[in-house]
Amino acid sequence: MAFFRADDTISGKEAKAQININGQIEDLLYAKSAEATFEKKKTEINTLGKRGTQSKATGWSGTGTMTVYYATSLFRKLATQYIKTGKDFYFDLIITNEDPGSSIGKQTTVLYNCNIDSVLLAKFDVESDVLDEEIPFTFDDADILDEFGKPVV
């Protein structure tokens, strides 16, 4: 009988994250976690001859969050540039999951035209041993550059 082996699960610590902003690649070594969600937008459709409401996909939206250690000024600098100039900033987020202990290989996902919703400009917390911050964002396109393979059974 075939089954999914425990060693083919992907360790969350084996990820790599980068952003491409203005043609410059920045390794997100200070990142703790990231999630990106694709959500369909649907329109309810009522038709003759059917009592139930049907749904039709009419678009989508992309949202995400990144949690980073409070150890970079990059996003604060970009936010203050927006405050001063009104010029918004966009970046591509590249996330690669590859656990060398797994037989399924790697997955690389690119989220295009990420735009941050909010950034902490300053923070302190006398109760915290380590400061971090959550950065919510939107994106409007995505690609899967590398796909996980099938596990070896």
C-alpha atoms as a PDB file:
ATOM      1  CA  MET A   1       0.000   0.000   0.000  1.00  0.00           C
ATOM      2  CA  ALA A   2       1.356   3.452  -0.949  1.00  0.00           C
ATOM      3  CA  PHE A   3       1.480   6.225   1.612  1.00  0.00           C
ATOM      4  CA  PHE A   4       2.945   9.704   2.041  1.00  0.00           C
ATOM      5  CA  ARG A   5       6.213   9.500   3.953  1.00  0.00           C
ATOM      6  CA  ALA A   6       6.808  11.837   6.869  1.00  0.00           C
ATOM      7  CA  ASP A   7      10.244  12.817   5.538  1.00  0.00           C
ATOM      8  CA  ASP A   8       8.569  14.251   2.415  1.00  0.00           C
ATOM      9  CA  THR A   9       6.907  16.992   4.444  1.00  0.00           C
ATOM     10  CA  ILE A  10       8.536  20.370   3.929  1.00  0.00           C
ATOM     11  CA  SER A  11      10.279  22.058   6.841  1.00  0.00           C
ATOM     12  CA  GLY A  12       9.192  25.668   7.255  1.00  0.00           C
ATOM     13  CA  LYS A  13      12.783  26.597   8.103  1.00  0.00           C
ATOM     14  CA  GLU A  14      14.071  25.455   4.705  1.00  0.00           C
ATOM     15  CA  ALA A  15      12.520  28.336   2.739  1.00  0.00           C
ATOM     16  CA  LYS A  16      14.182  31.168   0.890  1.00  0.00           C
ATOM     17  CA  ALA A  17      12.509  34.531   0.348  1.00  0.00           C
ATOM     18  CA  GLN A  18      13.599  37.454  -1.792  1.00  0.00           C
ATOM     19  CA  ILE A  19      12.090  40.637  -3.121  1.00  0.00           C
ATOM     20  CA  ASN A  20      12.862  42.331  -6.400  1.00  0.00           C
ATOM     21  CA  ILE A  21      12.347  46.045  -5.925  1.00  0.00           C
ATOM     22  CA  ASN A  22      13.382  48.485  -8.623  1.00  0.00           C
ATOM     23  CA  GLY A  23      15.519  45.762 -10.216  1.00  0.00           C
ATOM     24  CA  GLN A  24      17.446  45.110  -6.995  1.00  0.00           C
ATOM     25  CA  ILE A  25      17.215  41.675  -5.350  1.00  0.00           C
ATOM     26  CA  GLU A  26      17.061  41.719  -1.550  1.00  0.00           C
ATOM     27  CA  ASP A  27      17.321  38.492   0.440  1.00  0.00           C
ATOM     28  CA  LEU A  28      14.712  38.543   3.202  1.00  0.00           C
ATOM     29  CA  LEU A  29      17.020  36.964   5.771  1.00  0.00           C
ATOM     30  CA  TYR A  30      15.044  38.731   8.515  1.00  0.00           C
ATOM     31  CA  ALA A  31      11.703  37.156   7.455  1.00  0.00           C
ATOM     32  CA  LYS A  32       9.913  34.826   9.886  1.00  0.00           C
ATOM     33  CA  SER A  33       6.906  33.822   7.805  1.00  0.00           C
ATOM     34  CA  ALA A  34       4.873  34.700   4.749  1.00  0.00           C
ATOM     35  CA  GLU A  35       1.523  33.641   3.342  1.00  0.00           C
ATOM     36  CA  ALA A  36      -0.192  34.594   0.101  1.00  0.00           C
ATOM     37  CA  THR A  37      -3.840  33.878  -0.643  1.00  0.00           C
ATOM     38  CA  PHE A  38      -5.675  33.738  -3.966  1.00  0.00           C
ATOM     39  CA  GLU A  39      -9.377  34.504  -3.574  1.00  0.00           C
ATOM     40  CA  LYS A  40     -11.968  34.242  -6.334  1.00  0.00           C
ATOM     41  CA  LYS A  41     -14.543  36.931  -6.728  1.00  0.00           C
ATOM     42  CA  LYS A  42     -17.898  35.444  -7.620  1.00  0.00           C
ATOM     43  CA  THR A  43     -21.196  36.870  -8.800  1.00  0.00           C
ATOM     44  CA  GLU A  44     -24.435  35.209  -7.799  1.00  0.00           C
ATOM     45  CA  ILE A  45     -26.576  34.280 -10.787  1.00  0.00           C
ATOM     46  CA  ASN A  46     -30.300  33.486 -10.651  1.00  0.00           C
ATOM     47  CA  THR A  47     -31.832  31.887 -13.734  1.00  0.00           C
ATOM     48  CA  LEU A  48     -35.236  30.712 -14.854  1.00  0.00           C
ATOM     49  CA  GLY A  49     -35.830  27.041 -14.238  1.00  0.00           C
ATOM     50  CA  LYS A  50     -33.414  26.760 -11.300  1.00  0.00           C
ATOM     51  CA  ARG A  51     -34.420  27.588  -7.741  1.00  0.00           C
ATOM     52  CA  GLY A  52     -30.931  27.614  -6.391  1.00  0.00           C
ATOM     53  CA  THR A  53     -28.499  30.454  -6.794  1.00  0.00           C
ATOM     54  CA  GLN A  54     -25.555  29.706  -9.026  1.00  0.00           C
ATOM     55  CA  SER A  55     -22.140  31.328  -8.885  1.00  0.00           C
ATOM     56  CA  LYS A  56     -19.884  32.536 -11.650  1.00  0.00           C
ATOM     57  CA  ALA A  57     -16.244  33.420 -11.140  1.00  0.00           C
ATOM     58  CA  THR A  58     -15.760  37.033 -12.255  1.00  0.00           C
ATOM     59  CA  GLY A  59     -12.269  37.852 -11.036  1.00  0.00           C
ATOM     60  CA  TRP A  60      -9.815  37.343  -8.220  1.00  0.00           C
ATOM     61  CA  SER A  61      -7.694  39.167  -5.691  1.00  0.00           C
ATOM     62  CA  GLY A  62      -4.390  38.384  -4.060  1.00  0.00           C
ATOM     63  CA  THR A  63      -3.533  39.231  -0.467  1.00  0.00           C
ATOM     64  CA  GLY A  64      -0.743  38.233   1.837  1.00  0.00           C
ATOM     65  CA  THR A  65       1.151  38.882   5.023  1.00  0.00           C
ATOM     66  CA  MET A  66       4.819  38.785   5.820  1.00  0.00           C
ATOM     67  CA  THR A  67       6.131  38.683   9.352  1.00  0.00           C
ATOM     68  CA  VAL A  68       9.689  39.942   9.706  1.00  0.00           C
ATOM     69  CA  TYR A  69      12.038  40.606  12.556  1.00  0.00           C
ATOM     70  CA  TYR A  70      12.163  44.313  13.287  1.00  0.00           C
ATOM     71  CA  ALA A  71      15.662  44.464  11.823  1.00  0.00           C
ATOM     72  CA  THR A  72      15.399  46.355   8.544  1.00  0.00           C
ATOM     73  CA  SER A  73      14.569  49.932   7.644  1.00  0.00           C
ATOM     74  CA  LEU A  74      13.797  49.093   4.002  1.00  0.00           C
ATOM     75  CA  PHE A  75       9.997  49.152   4.236  1.00  0.00           C
ATOM     76  CA  ARG A  76       9.970  52.177   6.559  1.00  0.00           C
ATOM     77  CA  LYS A  77      12.231  54.041   4.132  1.00  0.00           C
ATOM     78  CA  LEU A  78       9.898  53.233   1.216  1.00  0.00           C
ATOM     79  CA  ALA A  79       6.873  54.269   3.280  1.00  0.00           C
ATOM     80  CA  THR A  80       8.402  57.606   4.223  1.00  0.00           C
ATOM     81  CA  GLN A  81       9.328  58.211   0.562  1.00  0.00           C
ATOM     82  CA  TYR A  82       5.655  57.666  -0.267  1.00  0.00           C
ATOM     83  CA  ILE A  83       4.662  60.084   2.521  1.00  0.00           C
ATOM     84  CA  LYS A  84       6.983  62.759   1.118  1.00  0.00           C
ATOM     85  CA  THR A  85       6.483  62.259  -2.633  1.00  0.00           C
ATOM     86  CA  GLY A  86       3.231  60.349  -3.157  1.00  0.00           C
ATOM     87  CA  LYS A  87       5.115  57.881  -5.382  1.00  0.00           C
ATOM     88  CA  ASP A  88       3.995  54.369  -4.508  1.00  0.00           C
ATOM     89  CA  PHE A  89       6.308  51.361  -4.549  1.00  0.00           C
ATOM     90  CA  TYR A  90       5.828  47.822  -5.808  1.00  0.00           C
ATOM     91  CA  PHE A  91       7.962  44.709  -5.614  1.00  0.00           C
ATOM     92  CA  ASP A  92       7.940  41.055  -6.603  1.00  0.00           C
ATOM     93  CA  LEU A  93       8.152  38.485  -3.815  1.00  0.00           C
ATOM     94  CA  ILE A  94       9.930  35.213  -4.624  1.00  0.00           C
ATOM     95  CA  ILE A  95       9.434  32.313  -2.198  1.00  0.00           C
ATOM     96  CA  THR A  96      11.212  28.988  -2.615  1.00  0.00           C
ATOM     97  CA  ASN A  97      10.410  25.964  -0.471  1.00  0.00           C
ATOM     98  CA  GLU A  98      13.074  23.271  -0.722  1.00  0.00           C
ATOM     99  CA  ASP A  99      13.786  20.758   2.006  1.00  0.00           C
ATOM    100  CA  PRO A 100      16.862  18.634   1.213  1.00  0.00           C
ATOM    101  CA  GLY A 101      15.410  15.821   3.352  1.00  0.00           C
ATOM    102  CA  SER A 102      12.359  15.513   1.120  1.00  0.00           C
ATOM    103  CA  SER A 103      12.164  13.648  -2.196  1.00  0.00           C
ATOM    104  CA  ILE A 104       9.597  16.035  -3.714  1.00  0.00           C
ATOM    105  CA  GLY A 105      12.069  18.748  -4.735  1.00  0.00           C
ATOM    106  CA  LYS A 106      11.290  22.442  -4.604  1.00  0.00           C
ATOM    107  CA  GLN A 107       8.530  24.888  -5.330  1.00  0.00           C
ATOM    108  CA  THR A 108       9.251  28.480  -6.300  1.00  0.00           C
ATOM    109  CA  THR A 109       6.381  30.966  -6.362  1.00  0.00           C
ATOM    110  CA  VAL A 110       6.608  34.561  -7.555  1.00  0.00           C
ATOM    111  CA  LEU A 111       4.021  37.134  -6.491  1.00  0.00           C
ATOM    112  CA  TYR A 112       4.084  40.146  -8.813  1.00  0.00           C
ATOM    113  CA  ASN A 113       3.361  43.799  -8.113  1.00  0.00           C
ATOM    114  CA  CYS A 114       3.163  43.417  -4.352  1.00  0.00           C
ATOM    115  CA  ASN A 115       1.975  46.593  -2.683  1.00  0.00           C
ATOM    116  CA  ILE A 116       2.186  47.033   1.071  1.00  0.00           C
ATOM    117  CA  ASP A 117      -0.961  48.011   2.971  1.00  0.00           C
ATOM    118  CA  SER A 118       0.729  49.211   6.164  1.00  0.00           C
ATOM    119  CA  VAL A 119       4.163  49.434   7.775  1.00  0.00           C
ATOM    120  CA  LEU A 120       5.197  50.152  11.341  1.00  0.00           C
ATOM    121  CA  LEU A 121       7.202  53.373  11.328  1.00  0.00           C
ATOM    122  CA  ALA A 122       8.489  52.908  14.870  1.00  0.00           C
ATOM    123  CA  LYS A 123       8.164  50.305  17.604  1.00  0.00           C
ATOM    124  CA  PHE A 124       9.325  49.362  21.061  1.00  0.00           C
ATOM    125  CA  ASP A 125       8.088  46.881  23.641  1.00  0.00           C
ATOM    126  CA  VAL A 126       9.754  46.558  27.045  1.00  0.00           C
ATOM    127  CA  GLU A 127       8.106  43.136  27.522  1.00  0.00           C
ATOM    128  CA  SER A 128       9.494  41.631  24.316  1.00  0.00           C
ATOM    129  CA  ASP A 129      12.805  39.834  23.957  1.00  0.00           C
ATOM    130  CA  VAL A 130      12.648  40.094  20.153  1.00  0.00           C
ATOM    131  CA  LEU A 131      10.765  42.664  18.079  1.00  0.00           C
ATOM    132  CA  ASP A 132       8.930  41.671  14.917  1.00  0.00           C
ATOM    133  CA  GLU A 133       6.291  43.188  12.659  1.00  0.00           C
ATOM    134  CA  GLU A 134       3.563  41.974  10.344  1.00  0.00           C
ATOM    135  CA  ILE A 135       3.390  43.535   6.884  1.00  0.00           C
ATOM    136  CA  PRO A 136       0.118  42.992   4.978  1.00  0.00           C
ATOM    137  CA  PHE A 137       0.207  43.350   1.192  1.00  0.00           C
ATOM    138  CA  THR A 138      -1.704  42.784  -2.027  1.00  0.00           C
ATOM    139  CA  PHE A 139      -0.482  41.365  -5.335  1.00  0.00           C
ATOM    140  CA  ASP A 140      -1.992  41.169  -8.810  1.00  0.00           C
ATOM    141  CA  ASP A 141      -0.260  38.269 -10.557  1.00  0.00           C
ATOM    142  CA  ALA A 142       1.614  35.072  -9.709  1.00  0.00           C
ATOM    143  CA  ASP A 143       3.653  32.283 -11.275  1.00  0.00           C
ATOM    144  CA  ILE A 144       4.839  28.894 -10.095  1.00  0.00           C
ATOM    145  CA  LEU A 145       8.385  28.669 -11.491  1.00  0.00           C
ATOM    146  CA  ASP A 146       9.243  25.298  -9.924  1.00  0.00           C
ATOM    147  CA  GLU A 147       6.686  22.676  -8.906  1.00  0.00           C
ATOM    148  CA  PHE A 148       6.965  20.000  -6.262  1.00  0.00           C
ATOM    149  CA  GLY A 149       7.417  16.543  -7.785  1.00  0.00           C
ATOM    150  CA  LYS A 150       5.718  13.353  -6.771  1.00  0.00           C
ATOM    151  CA  PRO A 151       6.970  11.763  -3.567  1.00  0.00           C
ATOM    152  CA  VAL A 152       9.030   8.632  -3.855  1.00  0.00           C
ATOM    153  CA  VAL A 153       6.978   5.736  -2.520  1.00  0.00           C
END
